[in-house]
Protein backbone atom coordinates (compact mmCIF):
# COMPACT_ATOMS: atom_id res chain seq x y z
CA MET A 1 0.00 0.00 0.00
CA LYS A 2 1.36 3.43 -0.92
CA ARG A 3 1.55 6.13 1.76
CA ARG A 4 -1.11 8.25 0.07
CA ASP A 5 -3.56 5.32 0.00
CA PHE A 6 -2.68 4.44 3.59
CA LEU A 7 -3.36 7.94 4.83
CA LEU A 8 -6.66 8.12 2.99
CA GLN A 9 -7.77 4.70 4.23
CA GLY A 10 -6.46 5.42 7.71
CA ALA A 11 -8.55 8.56 7.92
CA ALA A 12 -11.67 6.68 6.83
CA VAL A 13 -11.07 3.84 9.27
CA THR A 14 -10.43 6.22 12.12
CA ALA A 15 -13.65 8.06 11.39
CA GLY A 16 -15.65 4.83 11.41
CA LEU A 17 -14.17 3.13 14.47
CA SER A 18 -14.08 3.95 18.13
CA ALA A 19 -10.81 5.06 19.68
CA GLY A 20 -10.60 1.75 21.56
CA SER A 21 -10.56 -0.45 18.43
CA ALA A 22 -8.48 1.64 16.03
CA ILE A 23 -4.76 1.92 16.69
CA LEU A 24 -3.07 3.38 13.64
CA PRO A 25 0.56 4.38 13.08
CA ARG A 26 1.39 8.06 13.12
CA LEU A 27 3.42 8.99 10.04
CA ALA A 28 5.14 12.34 10.28
CA SER A 29 6.20 12.89 6.70
CA ALA A 30 4.94 12.07 3.23
CA ALA A 31 8.53 11.73 2.02
CA VAL A 32 9.92 9.19 4.49
CA MET A 33 8.03 6.52 6.39
CA ASP A 34 8.88 6.91 10.06
CA PRO A 35 8.81 3.88 12.34
CA VAL A 36 5.47 3.21 13.97
CA ASP A 37 5.06 5.16 17.20
CA ALA A 38 6.67 3.23 20.08
CA ALA A 39 3.60 3.31 22.31
CA VAL A 40 1.38 2.12 19.45
CA SER A 41 3.82 -0.65 18.59
CA ARG A 42 3.90 -1.94 22.15
CA GLU A 43 0.10 -1.84 22.42
CA LEU A 44 -0.29 -3.81 19.18
CA ALA A 45 2.32 -6.34 20.31
CA MET A 46 0.71 -6.94 23.71
CA ARG A 47 -2.74 -7.32 22.19
CA ALA A 48 -1.38 -9.83 19.67
CA LEU A 49 0.40 -11.94 22.30
CA ASP A 50 -2.60 -11.90 24.64
CA ALA A 51 -4.89 -12.95 21.78
CA ALA A 52 -2.57 -15.79 20.82
CA ARG A 53 -2.44 -17.09 24.40
CA SER A 54 -6.20 -16.79 24.78
CA ALA A 55 -6.63 -18.85 21.59
CA GLY A 56 -4.44 -21.63 23.01
CA ALA A 57 -0.87 -20.81 21.98
CA THR A 58 1.87 -22.02 24.32
CA TYR A 59 4.32 -19.59 22.70
CA ALA A 60 3.92 -16.57 20.40
CA ASP A 61 6.07 -13.85 18.88
CA PHE A 62 5.08 -10.66 17.10
CA ARG A 63 7.16 -8.85 14.49
CA LEU A 64 6.27 -5.37 13.25
CA ALA A 65 8.37 -4.12 10.31
CA ALA A 66 8.64 -0.84 8.44
CA ASN A 67 11.02 -1.34 5.51
CA ARG A 68 12.21 1.00 2.80
CA SER A 69 14.40 0.14 -0.17
CA GLN A 70 15.77 2.23 -3.01
CA ALA A 71 17.55 1.20 -6.21
CA LEU A 72 19.06 3.62 -8.73
CA GLY A 73 20.68 2.52 -11.99
CA THR A 74 22.55 4.37 -14.73
CA ARG A 75 24.31 3.52 -17.98
CA GLU A 76 26.86 5.90 -19.47
CA ARG A 77 25.00 9.25 -19.49
CA GLN A 78 21.47 8.17 -18.69
CA ILE A 79 19.34 6.89 -15.83
CA THR A 80 18.07 3.38 -16.56
CA PHE A 81 15.85 2.77 -13.54
CA PHE A 82 14.80 4.18 -10.20
CA ASN A 83 12.71 2.35 -7.62
CA ASP A 84 11.76 3.58 -4.16
CA ALA A 85 9.52 1.20 -2.20
CA GLU A 86 8.06 1.12 1.30
CA THR A 87 6.26 -1.70 3.07
CA TYR A 88 5.00 -2.12 6.60
CA GLY A 89 2.91 -4.63 8.48
CA PHE A 90 3.14 -7.35 11.12
CA GLY A 91 3.50 -11.11 11.40
CA ILE A 92 2.53 -13.40 14.29
CA ARG A 93 4.14 -16.80 14.81
CA VAL A 94 2.78 -19.21 17.41
CA VAL A 95 3.20 -22.69 18.82
CA ALA A 96 -0.06 -24.55 19.49
CA ASN A 97 -0.53 -28.30 19.89
CA GLY A 98 3.24 -28.61 19.50
CA SER A 99 3.36 -27.12 15.97
CA TRP A 100 4.11 -23.80 14.30
CA GLY A 101 1.49 -21.46 12.87
CA PHE A 102 2.01 -18.11 11.16
CA ALA A 103 -0.16 -15.32 9.78
CA ALA A 104 0.46 -11.70 8.77
CA SER A 105 -1.34 -8.50 7.78
CA ARG A 106 -0.60 -4.94 6.73
CA ASP A 107 -3.64 -3.52 8.52
CA LEU A 108 -2.28 -1.97 11.70
CA ASN A 109 -5.19 -1.88 14.13
CA ALA A 110 -6.13 -3.66 17.34
CA ASP A 111 -8.94 -5.76 15.92
CA GLU A 112 -6.72 -7.01 13.11
CA VAL A 113 -3.88 -8.18 15.36
CA VAL A 114 -6.42 -10.22 17.36
CA ARG A 115 -7.83 -11.77 14.17
CA VAL A 116 -4.37 -12.59 12.81
CA ALA A 117 -3.23 -14.12 16.13
CA GLN A 118 -6.28 -16.36 16.14
CA LYS A 119 -5.63 -17.31 12.51
CA ALA A 120 -2.02 -18.27 13.34
CA VAL A 121 -3.20 -20.50 16.18
CA ALA A 122 -5.76 -22.17 13.92
CA GLN A 123 -3.03 -22.86 11.39
CA ALA A 124 -0.78 -24.36 14.06
CA ARG A 125 -3.56 -26.72 15.13
CA ALA A 126 -4.04 -27.80 11.53
CA ASN A 127 -0.29 -28.34 11.13
CA ALA A 128 -0.24 -30.52 14.25
CA ALA A 129 -2.04 -33.27 12.37
CA ALA A 130 1.13 -33.89 10.36
CA ARG A 131 3.79 -33.41 13.03
CA GLN A 132 6.02 -36.28 14.07
CA ALA A 133 7.05 -34.83 17.45
CA PRO A 134 6.23 -31.68 19.44
CA LEU A 135 8.49 -28.67 18.97
CA ASP A 136 11.40 -28.34 21.40
CA LEU A 137 12.70 -24.77 21.59
CA ALA A 138 16.08 -23.92 23.09
CA PRO A 139 15.89 -21.43 25.98
CA VAL A 140 16.30 -17.73 25.37
CA GLU A 141 17.19 -14.85 27.66
CA ARG A 142 14.42 -12.34 28.32
CA VAL A 143 15.11 -8.86 26.85
CA PRO A 144 12.42 -6.48 28.15
CA ASP A 145 13.68 -3.30 26.46
CA GLY A 146 16.25 -4.04 23.73
CA LYS A 147 17.40 -1.39 21.25
CA TRP A 148 20.01 -1.66 18.46
CA SER A 149 20.93 0.11 15.22
CA SER A 150 23.49 -0.34 12.48
CA PRO A 151 26.41 2.13 12.72
CA VAL A 152 25.27 5.00 10.49
CA GLU A 153 26.65 8.48 9.89
CA ILE A 154 24.36 9.49 7.01
CA ASP A 155 20.88 8.08 6.45
CA PRO A 156 20.91 7.25 2.70
CA PHE A 157 17.28 8.31 2.41
CA ASP A 158 18.20 11.83 3.54
CA VAL A 159 20.51 12.27 0.53
CA PRO A 160 18.77 13.93 -2.46
CA ILE A 161 18.32 11.67 -5.47
CA GLU A 162 19.94 14.37 -7.63
CA GLU A 163 23.16 13.99 -5.64
CA LYS A 164 23.15 10.23 -6.10
CA VAL A 165 22.53 10.50 -9.84
CA ASP A 166 25.30 13.06 -10.19
CA LEU A 167 27.77 10.78 -8.43
CA LEU A 168 26.99 7.78 -10.63
CA LEU A 169 27.10 9.79 -13.86
CA ARG A 170 30.45 11.34 -12.93
CA ALA A 171 31.81 7.87 -12.16
CA ASN A 172 30.54 6.63 -15.51
CA ALA A 173 32.24 9.51 -17.30
CA ALA A 174 35.51 8.79 -15.50
CA ALA A 175 35.37 5.16 -16.67
CA MET A 176 34.48 6.10 -20.24
CA GLY A 177 37.47 8.42 -20.35
CA VAL A 178 39.73 5.35 -20.59
CA GLN A 179 40.44 4.39 -24.18
CA GLY A 180 38.86 1.04 -25.00
CA ALA A 181 36.08 1.29 -22.41
CA ARG A 182 32.81 1.09 -24.33
CA PHE A 183 30.03 0.53 -21.82
CA VAL A 184 29.51 1.18 -18.12
CA ASN A 185 26.66 0.43 -15.76
CA SER A 186 26.47 1.75 -12.22
CA VAL A 187 23.89 1.16 -9.52
CA MET A 188 23.25 2.22 -5.95
CA PHE A 189 21.17 0.22 -3.49
CA SER A 190 19.94 1.49 -0.11
CA VAL A 191 17.89 -0.34 2.53
CA ARG A 192 16.45 0.64 5.91
CA LEU A 193 14.70 -2.02 7.98
CA GLY A 194 12.81 -0.97 11.10
CA LYS A 195 11.91 -3.99 13.27
CA THR A 196 9.96 -4.43 16.48
CA PHE A 197 9.92 -7.88 18.11
CA ALA A 198 7.91 -9.07 21.12
CA SER A 199 7.37 -12.53 22.53
CA THR A 200 5.56 -14.37 25.28
CA ASP A 201 9.02 -15.02 26.77
CA GLY A 202 8.89 -11.39 27.92
CA SER A 203 11.12 -9.76 25.30
CA TYR A 204 10.44 -6.45 23.54
CA ILE A 205 13.13 -5.33 21.07
CA GLU A 206 13.42 -2.44 18.60
CA GLN A 207 16.08 -2.42 15.88
CA THR A 208 16.99 -0.46 12.75
CA ILE A 209 19.21 -1.99 10.09
CA TYR A 210 20.79 -0.04 7.22
CA ARG A 211 22.51 -1.41 4.11
CA SER A 212 24.30 0.41 1.30
CA TYR A 213 25.84 -0.92 -1.89
CA PRO A 214 27.35 1.05 -4.79
CA LEU A 215 28.36 -1.06 -7.80
CA MET A 216 29.96 -0.48 -11.20
CA ASN A 217 30.46 -2.82 -14.16
CA ILE A 218 32.69 -1.69 -17.02
CA THR A 219 32.99 -3.39 -20.43
CA ALA A 220 35.95 -2.98 -22.77
CA VAL A 221 35.72 -4.03 -26.43
CA ALA A 222 38.59 -4.86 -28.80
CA PRO A 223 38.98 -2.40 -31.75
CA ASP A 224 38.00 -5.11 -34.24
CA GLY A 225 35.12 -6.35 -32.10
CA SER A 226 36.70 -9.77 -31.68
CA ASP A 227 36.67 -9.74 -27.88
CA PHE A 228 35.13 -8.01 -24.91
CA GLN A 229 36.10 -8.10 -21.25
CA THR A 230 34.46 -6.75 -18.11
CA ARG A 231 35.55 -5.51 -14.71
CA GLN A 232 33.20 -5.19 -11.77
CA SER A 233 33.96 -3.05 -8.73
CA THR A 234 34.34 -6.09 -6.46
CA ASP A 235 36.76 -4.32 -4.12
CA VAL A 236 33.78 -2.19 -2.99
CA ALA A 237 31.60 -4.63 -1.04
CA PRO A 238 28.10 -4.02 0.35
CA ARG A 239 27.99 -2.93 3.98
CA ALA A 240 25.45 -2.52 6.77
CA MET A 241 26.19 1.20 6.88
CA GLY A 242 24.73 4.48 5.67
CA TYR A 243 25.54 6.74 2.73
CA GLU A 244 29.02 7.28 4.13
CA HIS A 245 29.91 3.89 2.64
CA VAL A 246 28.96 5.17 -0.83
CA ARG A 247 31.00 8.32 -0.27
CA ASP A 248 34.03 6.40 0.96
CA ALA A 249 33.91 4.03 -2.03
CA ARG A 250 35.35 6.89 -4.17
CA LEU A 251 33.67 5.69 -7.34
CA VAL A 252 34.84 8.60 -9.47
CA GLU A 253 38.46 8.14 -8.41
CA ASN A 254 38.44 4.33 -8.77
CA ALA A 255 36.45 4.05 -12.01
CA PRO A 256 39.46 4.69 -14.33
CA ARG A 257 41.43 1.88 -12.65
CA TRP A 258 38.58 -0.57 -13.08
CA ALA A 259 38.24 0.49 -16.72
CA GLU A 260 41.98 0.07 -17.32
CA GLU A 261 41.85 -3.43 -15.84
CA ALA A 262 39.00 -4.34 -18.19
CA VAL A 263 40.97 -3.00 -21.18
CA ALA A 264 44.12 -4.85 -20.08
CA LYS A 265 42.27 -8.17 -20.23
CA LEU A 266 41.71 -7.69 -23.97
CA SER A 267 45.43 -8.19 -24.64
CA ALA A 268 46.07 -10.60 -21.77
CA LYS A 269 47.36 -14.09 -22.45
CA PRO A 270 44.64 -16.79 -22.41
CA VAL A 271 45.31 -19.27 -19.64
CA GLU A 272 46.57 -22.74 -20.50
CA PRO A 273 44.41 -25.37 -18.77
CA GLY A 274 46.19 -27.41 -16.14
CA ARG A 275 47.08 -27.66 -12.46
CA TYR A 276 48.16 -24.42 -10.78
CA ASP A 277 48.86 -23.09 -7.33
CA LEU A 278 46.47 -20.23 -6.60
CA VAL A 279 46.70 -17.07 -4.51
CA LEU A 280 43.12 -15.99 -3.91
CA LEU A 281 42.57 -12.45 -2.70
CA PRO A 282 39.72 -11.93 -0.21
CA THR A 283 37.72 -9.98 -2.82
CA HIS A 284 37.40 -13.38 -4.50
CA LEU A 285 37.68 -15.89 -1.66
CA TRP A 286 34.64 -14.62 0.26
CA LEU A 287 32.34 -16.15 -2.39
CA THR A 288 34.08 -19.54 -2.27
CA ILE A 289 33.59 -19.49 1.52
CA HIS A 290 29.93 -18.56 1.07
CA GLU A 291 29.18 -21.42 -1.30
CA SER A 292 31.39 -24.25 0.00
CA ILE A 293 31.37 -23.57 3.78
CA ALA A 294 28.55 -21.23 4.80
CA HIS A 295 25.72 -22.88 2.88
CA PRO A 296 26.59 -26.54 3.62
CA THR A 297 26.78 -25.80 7.38
CA GLU A 298 23.16 -24.58 7.53
CA LEU A 299 21.49 -27.21 9.71
CA ASP A 300 18.17 -27.21 7.84
CA ARG A 301 19.98 -28.06 4.59
CA ILE A 302 21.84 -30.87 6.32
CA MET A 303 18.62 -32.32 7.76
CA GLY A 304 16.88 -32.12 4.38
CA TYR A 305 14.30 -29.55 5.49
CA GLU A 306 15.66 -27.04 2.96
CA ALA A 307 16.74 -27.68 -0.63
CA ASN A 308 15.91 -24.46 -2.49
CA TYR A 309 18.66 -22.43 -4.13
CA ALA A 310 21.25 -25.16 -4.71
CA GLY A 311 20.12 -28.06 -2.62
CA THR A 312 21.09 -29.68 0.65
CA SER A 313 24.59 -30.50 1.99
CA PHE A 314 27.28 -33.16 1.77
CA ILE A 315 27.56 -32.99 5.60
CA TYR A 316 25.36 -35.98 6.44
CA PRO A 317 24.82 -37.86 8.68
CA ILE A 318 25.79 -35.27 11.28
CA GLU A 319 27.29 -37.74 13.75
CA ASN A 320 29.87 -38.75 11.13
CA PHE A 321 31.02 -35.15 10.67
CA LEU A 322 30.87 -33.06 13.85
CA GLY A 323 34.22 -33.31 15.60
CA LYS A 324 35.50 -35.72 12.94
CA PHE A 325 35.44 -34.18 9.45
CA ARG A 326 38.64 -32.40 8.47
CA TYR A 327 37.59 -29.37 6.45
CA GLY A 328 41.15 -28.07 6.17
CA GLN A 329 44.56 -27.73 7.80
CA SER A 330 44.97 -27.09 11.54
CA PHE A 331 45.39 -23.32 11.00
CA MET A 332 41.94 -23.06 9.40
CA ASN A 333 39.30 -21.49 11.66
CA ILE A 334 35.86 -20.50 10.37
CA GLN A 335 33.84 -18.21 12.64
CA GLY A 336 30.13 -17.50 12.68
CA GLU A 337 29.11 -14.12 14.15
CA ARG A 338 26.56 -11.31 13.86
CA SER A 339 28.46 -8.59 15.68
CA SER A 340 31.13 -7.17 13.33
CA PRO A 341 30.50 -3.45 12.61
CA GLY A 342 29.15 -3.04 9.09
CA GLY A 343 28.60 -6.79 8.63
CA LEU A 344 25.50 -7.39 6.53
CA SER A 345 24.21 -10.04 8.93
CA SER A 346 25.16 -8.09 12.06
CA ILE A 347 22.28 -7.50 14.44
CA GLY A 348 21.58 -6.93 18.10
CA TRP A 349 19.07 -9.79 18.37
CA ASP A 350 17.80 -12.20 15.75
CA ASP A 351 14.16 -12.60 14.72
CA GLU A 352 13.52 -14.92 17.66
CA GLY A 353 14.87 -12.43 20.21
CA VAL A 354 18.15 -14.34 20.63
CA LYS A 355 21.38 -12.45 21.26
CA PRO A 356 23.75 -13.99 18.65
CA ASP A 357 27.05 -15.40 19.86
CA GLU A 358 30.42 -15.92 18.19
CA TYR A 359 31.26 -19.56 17.51
CA LEU A 360 33.73 -21.61 15.49
CA ILE A 361 32.05 -23.59 12.72
CA VAL A 362 35.45 -25.02 11.84
CA LYS A 363 37.99 -25.20 14.66
CA GLU A 364 41.62 -25.98 13.87
CA GLY A 365 40.52 -27.50 10.58
CA VAL A 366 37.79 -29.78 11.98
CA LEU A 367 34.01 -29.24 11.68
CA ASN A 368 32.99 -28.03 15.13
CA ASP A 369 29.51 -26.50 14.99
CA LEU A 370 26.56 -25.62 12.73
CA GLN A 371 24.20 -22.70 12.19
CA THR A 372 21.11 -22.96 14.40
CA THR A 373 17.84 -21.39 15.53
CA ARG A 374 15.86 -22.09 18.73
CA GLU A 375 14.11 -25.00 17.04
CA GLN A 376 17.33 -26.43 15.61
CA ALA A 377 19.73 -26.21 18.58
CA PRO A 378 18.09 -29.16 20.45
CA MET A 379 18.84 -31.33 17.39
CA LEU A 380 22.53 -31.00 18.35
CA ALA A 381 21.98 -31.53 22.08
CA ASP A 382 24.10 -34.69 22.29
CA TRP A 383 27.04 -32.99 20.55
CA TYR A 384 26.78 -29.89 22.72
CA ARG A 385 26.68 -31.92 25.95
CA GLN A 386 29.60 -34.02 24.76
CA SER A 387 31.52 -30.79 24.02
CA GLY A 388 30.56 -29.11 27.28
CA LYS A 389 28.49 -26.44 25.54
CA PRO A 390 25.00 -25.21 26.43
CA VAL A 391 22.10 -26.13 24.17
CA ARG A 392 21.30 -22.68 22.81
CA SER A 393 20.51 -21.07 19.51
CA HIS A 394 23.35 -19.22 17.78
CA GLY A 395 20.86 -16.49 16.85
CA ASN A 396 20.55 -17.35 13.15
CA SER A 397 16.83 -16.70 12.64
CA TYR A 398 15.79 -14.09 10.07
CA ALA A 399 12.80 -13.01 7.98
CA GLU A 400 13.21 -10.52 5.16
CA SER A 401 9.89 -8.80 5.83
CA TRP A 402 6.82 -8.77 8.04
CA ASP A 403 4.74 -10.99 5.75
CA VAL A 404 7.02 -14.06 5.77
CA VAL A 405 7.93 -16.44 8.57
CA GLN A 406 11.41 -16.35 10.07
CA PHE A 407 13.72 -19.33 9.52
CA GLN A 408 17.41 -20.21 9.65
CA ARG A 409 19.67 -17.84 7.69
CA MET A 410 23.42 -17.68 7.80
CA PRO A 411 25.37 -15.26 9.99
CA ASN A 412 28.55 -13.55 8.89
CA VAL A 413 30.84 -16.52 8.21
CA ASN A 414 34.54 -15.65 8.25
CA LEU A 415 37.89 -17.31 7.65
CA LEU A 416 40.10 -15.97 10.45
CA PRO A 417 43.54 -14.61 9.44
CA ASN A 418 46.93 -16.00 10.45
CA ALA A 419 47.11 -15.76 14.23
CA GLU A 420 50.89 -16.05 14.50
CA ARG A 421 52.16 -13.35 12.12
CA ASP A 422 51.07 -10.91 9.46
CA VAL A 423 51.74 -12.91 6.27
CA SER A 424 51.59 -10.62 3.20
CA VAL A 425 50.30 -11.31 -0.30
CA GLU A 426 53.90 -11.00 -1.51
CA GLU A 427 54.93 -13.86 0.79
CA LEU A 428 52.08 -16.02 -0.48
CA VAL A 429 53.21 -15.36 -4.06
CA SER A 430 56.90 -15.94 -3.33
CA GLY A 431 56.36 -19.64 -2.59
CA ILE A 432 54.82 -20.43 -6.00
CA GLU A 433 56.66 -21.64 -9.10
CA ASN A 434 53.68 -21.91 -11.46
CA GLY A 435 50.49 -20.23 -10.35
CA ILE A 436 47.77 -17.62 -10.72
CA LEU A 437 46.60 -14.75 -8.50
CA ILE A 438 42.83 -14.09 -8.65
CA ASP A 439 41.26 -10.79 -7.61
CA GLY A 440 37.49 -10.30 -7.42
CA ASP A 441 34.58 -12.70 -7.71
CA GLY A 442 32.96 -13.70 -10.98
CA SER A 443 30.61 -16.34 -12.32
CA PHE A 444 30.32 -19.62 -10.42
CA SER A 445 28.37 -22.85 -10.23
CA ILE A 446 28.05 -25.49 -7.52
CA ASP A 447 26.23 -28.80 -7.22
CA GLN A 448 23.20 -29.61 -5.07
CA GLN A 449 25.27 -30.84 -2.12
CA ARG A 450 27.90 -28.04 -2.16
CA TYR A 451 30.61 -30.54 -3.03
CA ASN A 452 31.72 -29.86 -6.64
CA ALA A 453 32.09 -26.30 -7.88
CA GLN A 454 33.64 -23.94 -10.40
CA PHE A 455 34.63 -20.28 -9.78
CA GLY A 456 35.72 -17.45 -12.05
CA GLY A 457 36.99 -14.01 -11.09
CA GLN A 458 37.69 -10.46 -12.26
CA VAL A 459 41.47 -9.96 -12.59
CA PHE A 460 44.00 -12.76 -13.12
CA LYS A 461 47.79 -12.54 -12.90
CA GLU A 462 50.32 -15.17 -13.82
CA ILE A 463 52.88 -16.21 -11.17
CA ARG A 464 56.25 -17.65 -12.22
CA ASN A 465 59.07 -18.52 -9.86
CA GLY A 466 57.66 -16.45 -7.02
CA ARG A 467 56.91 -13.34 -9.09
CA ILE A 468 53.86 -11.89 -10.83
CA THR A 469 54.77 -11.78 -14.52
CA GLY A 470 51.69 -10.46 -16.33
CA PRO A 471 47.93 -10.58 -16.85
CA LEU A 472 45.86 -13.61 -17.85
CA LYS A 473 42.28 -14.02 -19.00
CA ASP A 474 39.60 -16.69 -19.37
CA VAL A 475 40.46 -18.26 -15.99
CA ALA A 476 38.22 -20.44 -13.83
CA TYR A 477 39.09 -23.19 -11.39
CA GLN A 478 37.31 -26.39 -10.48
CA MET A 479 37.16 -27.76 -6.96
CA ARG A 480 35.81 -30.47 -4.68
CA THR A 481 35.18 -28.92 -1.28
CA PRO A 482 37.30 -31.19 1.02
CA GLU A 483 40.28 -31.44 -1.35
CA PHE A 484 40.27 -27.71 -2.07
CA TRP A 485 40.27 -26.55 1.55
CA ASN A 486 42.80 -29.20 2.61
CA GLY A 487 44.99 -27.89 -0.21
CA MET A 488 45.16 -24.45 1.46
CA ASP A 489 48.73 -24.40 2.80
CA MET A 490 49.07 -20.76 3.95
CA ILE A 491 46.77 -17.89 4.90
CA GLY A 492 47.50 -14.19 5.00
CA GLY A 493 47.67 -12.04 8.09
CA PRO A 494 45.37 -9.29 9.34
CA SER A 495 46.74 -6.73 6.85
CA THR A 496 45.27 -8.80 3.97
CA TYR A 497 41.83 -9.16 5.61
CA PHE A 498 38.79 -7.87 3.69
CA VAL A 499 35.05 -8.24 4.19
CA GLY A 500 33.09 -9.19 1.09
CA GLY A 501 29.46 -10.17 0.96
CA SER A 502 26.18 -10.74 -0.79
CA PHE A 503 23.42 -8.12 -0.82
CA ASN A 504 20.87 -10.70 -1.97
CA ASP A 505 21.28 -14.32 -0.90
CA GLY A 506 18.24 -16.42 -1.73
CA LYS A 507 16.75 -19.29 0.23
CA GLY A 508 13.39 -20.84 0.99
CA GLN A 509 10.06 -21.30 -0.74
CA PRO A 510 8.44 -18.84 -1.03
CA ALA A 511 11.87 -17.33 -1.62
CA GLN A 512 13.39 -14.90 0.85
CA SER A 513 16.49 -12.75 0.45
CA ASN A 514 19.13 -12.24 3.14
CA ALA A 515 22.27 -10.11 3.19
CA VAL A 516 25.46 -11.61 4.60
CA SER A 517 29.15 -10.71 4.89
CA HIS A 518 32.21 -12.95 4.77
CA GLY A 519 35.56 -11.69 5.99
CA CYS A 520 38.79 -13.46 5.08
CA PRO A 521 42.49 -12.90 4.39
CA ALA A 522 44.30 -13.77 1.19
CA ALA A 523 45.18 -17.47 1.00
CA ARG A 524 47.26 -19.93 -1.02
CA PHE A 525 45.97 -23.20 -2.47
CA ARG A 526 48.05 -25.96 -4.06
CA GLY A 527 47.40 -28.02 -7.18
CA VAL A 528 44.02 -26.64 -8.27
CA ASN A 529 42.58 -27.58 -11.67
CA VAL A 530 42.23 -24.51 -13.92
CA ILE A 531 40.21 -24.38 -17.15
CA ASN A 532 39.99 -21.87 -20.01
CA THR A 533 36.56 -20.23 -20.29
CA GLY A 534 37.29 -18.28 -23.50
CA ARG A 535 34.53 -17.92 -26.05
CA ARG A 536 35.05 -19.82 -29.29
CA ALA A 537 33.32 -19.31 -32.63
């Protein structure tokens, strides 16, 4: 519903209802949707929870969301698209008869929250007919007055659209000033998520999440039209920050370099297929981590409850893997967290009111833990007791909007840097006789169990006898997850660490989108199979 329609309908509803039954949000501006008034939000939440309990729910949570997203696109000297969308409403999730039920609505009034709560309970009772065992939820700490916000200097929705357009067009012009650059696309994404969560466990939490992502893609074309090459601005990653992230990306200053790297690939030497040692920069490696470590350690994929967007996981059965499966060498540590400043998955509390913790998914090279929610943590109870850990959710529950149910989504999943010394990229390169350095992520594919995969990149450099000798093109490598990560023989130090990420990571049916970051250092891998992806007539 657009703001204008909401205000018109809101006025009509208010006129026709008594003050006791109509509780409508107060919107201060026609330009920006403000969060629903705090007192109104709390009243709606308490009515919803009371209604759910009265209908027979043994547990209930209420999520009120006010989300705004903006997308601006340009090509060379013109604007190609501009979208500015707002959505707000609430969802109620309940447990009744040992099963989940969920319902949602965009009508923010007291009678509606009661109706929706009752509908969610009715759905839970219907679902109970098919359940195999009652739900067992891990305990959660009560948070009676939680507040959290992403670190933001400049609200991106306070910046005039004219200023954003001017920035992108100037960046485009800077790229097109490089001889050989023929096309350039640039986009700017901004998101603000306002969330209110309340539960029958006694929690009431308000949070505001911001995300910003500027992106450029430059295409160079050979003079005779025989080849074209692209360069994307992969060293500018999305962040859970405000417009200051766009400003600090320095698109105008960096655009000529990206264009020059695209042009350089036109005359680069095509790679010869074969086995190479690889130095993968973190602008590239974050995506390999995402696909071959973060996704296969989602517990719902492992259990077979989730198979959308590339399937399940090779990690099965769990008892054969936890504490036993060697993912990589003893210096390999993979951390799950939702606390790093600017991390796309960073949050104060998840969508079940759980304070996320930091945990090692891979500890000293061995699979040590998995991503969980309150429902999932008890599935690992035996492992946690054996390891001396409490049975608790890691805080990995998320819903992209008010009208969809929350479920397990990945946290920020990071490869920790060398803990002993600050190994440089130059040192990683110096130990290679015949290899390739890869900068930036590109096209990729992976099988339905996250076991076999292929990854491209943006910039490729040949390594001979410990030195970078020149550019390459048409490079992609093939991998099998265990062999690839066990072939990592050295990782870079903190000075090589970079946080990449995905602004839109799909999962579920109906599909939901999450945003997630992956930090990592540069790393070296031995004996990886490389193929030539060049186009042939």
